Structures are given as C-alpha cells and as structure tokens.
Protein backbone atom coordinates (compact mmCIF):
# COMPACT_ATOMS: atom_id res chain seq x y z
CA MET A 1 -17.66 28.28 4.16
CA LEU A 2 -16.52 25.00 2.64
CA ALA A 3 -15.70 25.02 -1.04
CA ALA A 4 -17.35 22.36 -3.19
CA MET A 5 -15.03 20.04 -5.07
CA SER A 6 -15.91 17.67 -7.89
CA THR A 7 -15.06 14.03 -7.29
CA GLN A 8 -14.52 13.41 -11.01
CA GLY A 9 -11.19 13.99 -12.71
CA LEU A 10 -9.39 14.53 -9.41
CA LEU A 11 -6.09 13.53 -10.99
CA GLU A 12 -6.58 15.07 -14.42
CA GLY A 13 -3.27 15.92 -16.10
CA THR A 14 -1.12 14.19 -13.47
CA THR A 15 1.30 11.28 -13.61
CA ALA A 16 1.16 8.56 -10.99
CA VAL A 17 3.54 5.64 -10.47
CA ILE A 18 2.03 2.55 -8.85
CA VAL A 19 4.60 0.01 -7.72
CA GLY A 20 2.85 -3.34 -7.60
CA GLY A 21 0.11 -1.83 -9.73
CA HIS A 22 -0.56 -5.11 -11.51
CA SER A 23 -2.30 -6.96 -8.67
CA GLY A 24 -4.38 -6.63 -5.53
CA PHE A 25 -4.46 -3.17 -3.98
CA GLY A 26 -2.15 -1.83 -6.67
CA LYS A 27 -4.40 -2.95 -9.51
CA ALA A 28 -7.42 -1.33 -7.86
CA ILE A 29 -5.42 1.89 -7.41
CA SER A 30 -4.18 1.82 -11.01
CA ARG A 31 -7.72 1.50 -12.34
CA LEU A 32 -9.14 4.20 -10.06
CA PHE A 33 -6.35 6.68 -10.77
CA THR A 34 -6.78 6.14 -14.52
CA SER A 35 -10.52 6.76 -14.20
CA GLN A 36 -9.70 10.01 -12.41
CA GLY A 37 -7.57 11.27 -15.30
CA ALA A 38 -4.03 10.28 -14.31
CA THR A 39 -1.42 8.84 -16.60
CA VAL A 40 -0.50 5.70 -14.69
CA VAL A 41 2.90 4.04 -14.74
CA ILE A 42 2.70 0.47 -13.46
CA ALA A 43 5.91 -1.00 -12.08
CA ALA A 44 6.69 -4.56 -11.03
CA ARG A 45 9.41 -7.13 -11.50
CA ARG A 46 7.70 -9.16 -14.25
CA ARG A 47 7.29 -7.66 -17.70
CA ASP A 48 4.29 -9.84 -18.64
CA VAL A 49 2.08 -8.82 -15.72
CA VAL A 50 3.10 -5.19 -16.01
CA ASP A 51 2.24 -5.00 -19.69
CA GLU A 52 -1.04 -6.86 -19.26
CA VAL A 53 -2.51 -4.33 -16.83
CA ALA A 54 -0.87 -1.34 -18.52
CA ASP A 55 -2.51 -2.34 -21.80
CA GLU A 56 -5.84 -2.83 -20.06
CA ILE A 57 -5.94 0.67 -18.58
CA GLY A 58 -3.97 2.53 -21.23
CA GLY A 59 -1.03 3.06 -18.92
CA ILE A 60 2.72 2.61 -19.14
CA GLY A 61 4.50 -0.52 -17.94
CA VAL A 62 8.00 -0.46 -16.46
CA THR A 63 9.89 -3.36 -14.91
CA CYS A 64 11.39 -2.56 -11.53
CA ASP A 65 12.70 -4.50 -8.56
CA ILE A 66 12.56 -2.02 -5.70
CA THR A 67 15.30 -3.85 -3.80
CA SER A 68 17.62 -2.47 -6.50
CA ASP A 69 18.40 1.22 -6.05
CA ASP A 70 19.40 1.41 -9.71
CA ASP A 71 16.02 -0.01 -10.78
CA VAL A 72 14.19 2.61 -8.76
CA ILE A 73 16.32 5.39 -10.24
CA ALA A 74 15.53 4.08 -13.71
CA LEU A 75 11.80 3.89 -12.92
CA VAL A 76 11.66 7.52 -11.83
CA GLU A 77 13.82 8.72 -14.72
CA THR A 78 11.72 6.80 -17.26
CA THR A 79 8.52 8.23 -15.83
CA VAL A 80 9.73 11.82 -15.95
CA SER A 81 11.31 11.53 -19.40
CA THR A 82 8.22 9.84 -20.84
CA THR A 83 5.45 11.94 -19.29
CA GLY A 84 7.28 15.08 -18.19
CA ARG A 85 5.80 14.83 -14.70
CA LEU A 86 5.69 12.90 -11.46
CA ASP A 87 2.82 13.92 -9.19
CA ALA A 88 2.03 10.79 -7.22
CA PHE A 89 3.85 7.62 -6.25
CA VAL A 90 2.11 4.72 -4.50
CA ASN A 91 4.20 1.82 -3.22
CA CYS A 92 2.17 -1.38 -2.91
CA ALA A 93 5.10 -3.77 -3.18
CA GLY A 94 5.42 -6.40 -0.50
CA TYR A 95 4.75 -9.91 0.64
CA GLU A 96 3.73 -11.51 3.91
CA GLN A 97 5.44 -14.43 5.58
CA SER A 98 4.68 -15.73 9.05
CA THR A 99 7.78 -16.85 10.94
CA PRO A 100 8.13 -16.97 14.73
CA ILE A 101 11.12 -15.06 16.08
CA ALA A 102 12.58 -18.38 17.30
CA ASP A 103 12.84 -19.47 13.65
CA LEU A 104 13.65 -16.10 12.06
CA THR A 105 16.94 -16.65 10.24
CA PRO A 106 19.16 -13.82 8.96
CA ASP A 107 18.17 -14.66 5.38
CA LEU A 108 14.44 -14.54 6.09
CA LEU A 109 14.78 -11.24 7.93
CA ALA A 110 17.01 -9.69 5.26
CA GLN A 111 14.68 -10.73 2.43
CA MET A 112 11.65 -9.26 4.15
CA HIS A 113 13.27 -5.97 5.06
CA ALA A 114 14.90 -5.61 1.64
CA VAL A 115 11.43 -5.21 0.15
CA GLN A 116 9.34 -3.76 2.95
CA ILE A 117 11.65 -1.07 4.30
CA GLN A 118 14.89 -0.70 2.32
CA GLY A 119 13.26 -0.81 -1.10
CA ALA A 120 10.44 1.37 0.16
CA ILE A 121 12.91 4.04 1.25
CA TYR A 122 14.68 3.85 -2.13
CA CYS A 123 11.32 4.70 -3.69
CA MET A 124 10.64 7.50 -1.22
CA ARG A 125 14.05 9.06 -1.82
CA HIS A 126 14.11 9.04 -5.60
CA ALA A 127 10.45 9.90 -6.12
CA ALA A 128 10.54 12.79 -3.65
CA ASN A 129 13.80 14.15 -5.06
CA ALA A 130 12.28 14.15 -8.53
CA MET A 131 9.10 15.85 -7.31
CA ARG A 132 11.19 18.49 -5.54
CA ASN A 133 13.36 19.08 -8.61
CA LEU A 134 10.31 19.37 -10.87
CA GLY A 135 9.00 22.07 -8.53
CA ASN A 136 5.34 21.01 -8.54
CA GLY A 137 5.24 19.08 -5.26
CA GLY A 138 3.55 15.71 -5.07
CA SER A 139 2.24 12.90 -2.94
CA PHE A 140 3.88 9.64 -1.88
CA VAL A 141 1.68 6.91 -0.40
CA SER A 142 2.92 3.69 1.17
CA ILE A 143 0.64 0.72 1.79
CA SER A 144 1.15 -0.47 5.34
CA SER A 145 -0.69 -3.00 7.47
CA LEU A 146 -2.89 -3.22 10.53
CA THR A 147 -0.25 -5.61 11.91
CA ALA A 148 2.02 -2.59 12.40
CA HIS A 149 -0.47 -1.46 15.07
CA ASN A 150 -1.93 -4.66 16.49
CA PRO A 151 0.69 -7.34 17.28
CA ALA A 152 0.24 -10.86 15.97
CA ARG A 153 2.31 -13.99 16.38
CA GLY A 154 4.81 -14.77 13.65
CA LEU A 155 4.90 -11.32 12.08
CA ALA A 156 7.96 -9.78 13.73
CA ALA A 157 9.79 -9.30 10.43
CA TYR A 158 6.80 -8.16 8.37
CA ALA A 159 5.07 -5.95 10.92
CA SER A 160 8.28 -4.34 12.21
CA ALA A 161 9.13 -3.33 8.65
CA LYS A 162 5.67 -1.84 8.15
CA ALA A 163 5.91 0.04 11.45
CA GLY A 164 9.32 1.34 10.40
CA LEU A 165 7.89 2.40 7.06
CA GLU A 166 5.17 4.41 8.76
CA TYR A 167 7.73 6.18 10.93
CA ALA A 168 10.06 6.81 7.98
CA SER A 169 7.11 8.40 6.21
CA LYS A 170 6.69 10.85 9.09
CA ILE A 171 10.35 11.82 8.85
CA ALA A 172 10.08 12.24 5.07
CA ALA A 173 7.02 14.44 5.56
CA VAL A 174 9.13 16.75 7.71
CA GLU A 175 12.15 16.74 5.41
CA TYR A 176 10.24 17.37 2.16
CA GLY A 177 7.44 19.56 3.48
CA ASP A 178 9.02 22.78 2.26
CA SER A 179 8.89 21.34 -1.28
CA ASN A 180 5.19 20.49 -0.90
CA VAL A 181 5.91 16.79 -1.21
CA ARG A 182 3.57 14.92 1.09
CA PHE A 183 4.05 11.45 2.62
CA ASN A 184 1.26 9.34 4.06
CA THR A 185 0.51 5.67 4.63
CA VAL A 186 -2.56 3.49 4.39
CA ALA A 187 -2.68 0.68 6.96
CA ALA A 188 -4.88 -2.05 5.57
CA SER A 189 -6.64 -4.77 7.51
CA LEU A 190 -7.03 -8.29 6.14
CA ILE A 191 -8.58 -7.88 2.68
CA GLU A 192 -8.78 -10.51 -0.02
CA THR A 193 -6.08 -10.18 -2.67
CA PRO A 194 -3.91 -12.76 -4.44
CA MET A 195 -1.47 -12.45 -1.51
CA THR A 196 -4.11 -13.30 1.10
CA SER A 197 -6.38 -15.62 -0.89
CA ARG A 198 -5.21 -18.71 1.01
CA VAL A 199 -6.54 -17.22 4.26
CA PHE A 200 -9.92 -16.49 2.72
CA GLY A 201 -10.28 -20.17 1.95
CA VAL A 202 -10.59 -20.80 5.71
CA GLU A 203 -14.08 -19.56 6.57
CA PRO A 204 -13.77 -19.76 10.37
CA ALA A 205 -10.63 -17.60 10.19
CA ILE A 206 -12.46 -14.91 8.25
CA GLN A 207 -15.37 -15.10 10.66
CA ALA A 208 -12.95 -14.45 13.51
CA VAL A 209 -11.64 -11.36 11.72
CA VAL A 210 -15.19 -10.11 11.10
CA GLU A 211 -16.08 -10.57 14.77
CA MET A 212 -13.07 -8.44 15.75
CA THR A 213 -14.05 -5.68 13.29
CA PRO A 214 -16.57 -3.12 14.60
CA LEU A 215 -18.14 -2.59 11.17
CA GLY A 216 -18.74 -6.33 11.00
CA ARG A 217 -17.35 -7.03 7.54
CA VAL A 218 -14.12 -7.32 5.61
CA GLY A 219 -13.03 -4.56 3.27
CA SER A 220 -12.16 -4.60 -0.41
CA PRO A 221 -9.26 -3.37 -2.56
CA ALA A 222 -11.52 -0.50 -3.59
CA ASP A 223 -11.47 0.78 0.00
CA ILE A 224 -7.68 0.99 -0.13
CA ALA A 225 -7.76 2.62 -3.56
CA ASN A 226 -10.17 5.29 -2.30
CA ALA A 227 -7.81 6.12 0.56
CA ALA A 228 -4.87 6.41 -1.83
CA LEU A 229 -6.92 8.71 -4.07
CA TYR A 230 -7.67 10.96 -1.12
CA PHE A 231 -4.00 11.32 -0.26
CA CYS A 232 -2.90 11.84 -3.88
CA SER A 233 -5.56 14.36 -4.88
CA GLU A 234 -6.41 17.88 -3.80
CA LEU A 235 -8.80 16.35 -1.27
CA GLY A 236 -5.78 15.54 0.89
CA SER A 237 -3.60 18.49 -0.03
CA TYR A 238 -3.17 19.62 3.59
CA VAL A 239 -2.44 16.18 5.02
CA THR A 240 1.06 14.79 5.47
CA GLY A 241 2.89 12.46 7.82
CA GLN A 242 -0.27 10.53 8.65
CA THR A 243 -1.34 6.90 8.71
CA LEU A 244 -4.94 6.13 7.83
CA CYS A 245 -6.16 2.77 9.12
CA VAL A 246 -8.60 1.42 6.55
CA ASP A 247 -9.80 -1.45 8.65
CA GLY A 248 -13.47 -1.16 9.59
CA GLY A 249 -12.37 -0.14 13.07
CA ALA A 250 -10.34 -3.32 13.70
CA SER A 251 -7.41 -1.31 15.07
CA LEU A 252 -9.68 -0.29 17.95
CA LEU A 253 -9.73 -3.88 19.16
CA ALA A 254 -7.08 -6.52 18.45
CA LEU A 255 -6.11 -9.10 15.89
CA PRO A 256 -7.70 -12.50 16.53
CA THR A 257 -5.66 -14.62 18.93
CA PRO A 258 -5.25 -18.40 18.76
CA GLN A 259 -7.90 -18.62 21.48
CA ILE A 260 -10.35 -16.56 19.42
CA PHE A 261 -9.66 -18.67 16.33
CA ALA A 262 -10.27 -21.82 18.39
CA ASP A 263 -13.54 -20.48 19.77
CA VAL A 264 -14.82 -19.44 16.35
CA GLY A 265 -13.71 -22.76 14.89
CA ARG A 266 -15.64 -24.63 17.57
CA ARG A 267 -18.78 -22.58 16.99
CA TRP A 268 -18.38 -22.95 13.23
CA ALA A 269 -18.14 -26.75 13.50
CA GLU A 270 -21.25 -26.85 15.69
CA GLN A 271 -23.21 -24.85 13.14
CA GLN A 272 -22.25 -27.29 10.39
CA ASN A 273 -23.64 -30.26 12.32
C-alpha cells in the first residue's frame, strides 16, 4: 500500500544552497524551496544580485565563484556555521557559448570547463563532505542540458562538460551512497531564461524546437524547479545517480538541425505573406 505524502512543507526545517539562485532556473528553485519551508542560501559571483533575491525570499546571500575552490569551501562553511545544516545543494551555475570545434581555442575550452565541470565538482566535493560529516545525509542536484544527450553543432565544449557532469554525478552517487548523500541531475531542454532570451526572440527557431518536442510546447523554469524539489525532498529519497530529462520528450527525437531550421523558416515566411 502506498503511503500518502503531503506536497506542502516538503523541505521544512532544511537548509538548501542554490548556486546561481538569483536568476533563471536558480531563481525559480530558490522561490519554490522557500515556499516549501527551506532556509535558502543563494550563491553567485555578484553581491548585488545575490542580496536582491535573498531579500525578496527571506534567504541568505553569499558571494561565490565556483571556479575558486576556496570560494566553494567558504560557501559551505558559511552555510553550516550560519544555519547549522546543509541538506540540499543545487548547482545552476553555467553559461552557453556556441563555438565550432575548428574554432575552439584553449582559452575558450578552459573557461567553459572551469565553470561547467571543474567548478561543479568542487561543489560536489565540499557539499557532500559536509553532508557526510553532519551525519544527516542530503541531496545534490546539478542542472544539465538536453545537449548532453542530443548532439548539436557548436556545442562541443558546453555539451561535453554537461555530459561529464552527469557521469561524475553517477560516480559521486556510488562513493557517497553509504552516507545517504544522493546525487542526481536535471537535463533541461531549451527554456526561456536570461541566458537563452536571445534565442526566444527568433520565433521560427522556437517553432522548430516545438515541432521536435512530442508535447508540442516549450517548458518553463517552474518545470525545472519541480524536478529539483523532487530530488531534494523525501519524494526522491530512494533515487540517486540518475538524470531526469525535463524536456517534453525532446530527447526522444533530436535537436533541430540546420535543415529543420531552414524548413521552418521557409514555412514561417510563407505564413507571414
């Protein structure tokens, strides 16, 4: 017999760190986790944006550049010393840059991987060690991308880092399982955020994405926040080492190709005439 579980206050009495919690997916997660009873620590590089959202939700703002191991150590130590706990950690930090492999310089590759994989593993290490030392277990969620599953031109640096992050999360799930620290990832499809807003200004491009999505629509930051809540609450307490594609089924097909974009653009132009 299945036990009933309330969907209110799922994070009551817990502390959650949201890296990148000031914008996009992170902001949606910060708001949802607060509404579910968590004390939310918002971390990002800029003090002004961190404090703005922290004040809005009644959370705690901490500046942190995850490419700095020392910054991540300080973030975790500040969280534990201030709240006495660390139950959930969601890493939303990242940026997207399209560069063909032919033009991918060492600097471009290093900058991308410093954030998307190296900094992410710094967060995994220090958060999980703290959770293990506190003895209460916890949940670590990384925001990944559909591009880690469906190849697209120009995204070798970005998508390879996201794929590596998903695999690193599986390894972490094995290594920290005996401490009841769980690791999962959420692979998001193209959803409008400040990072992707330029794409959403091109209506034929969005139409192409919709046509390659079985559910026939784009998602929202709330969809990603709901997935993170599942992983960080008791609802997902027996799930670790998994990637959940929150994509309307787009991973079942493929990302739009230049040919698909051209076809949709042609049809779009015809409809406007």
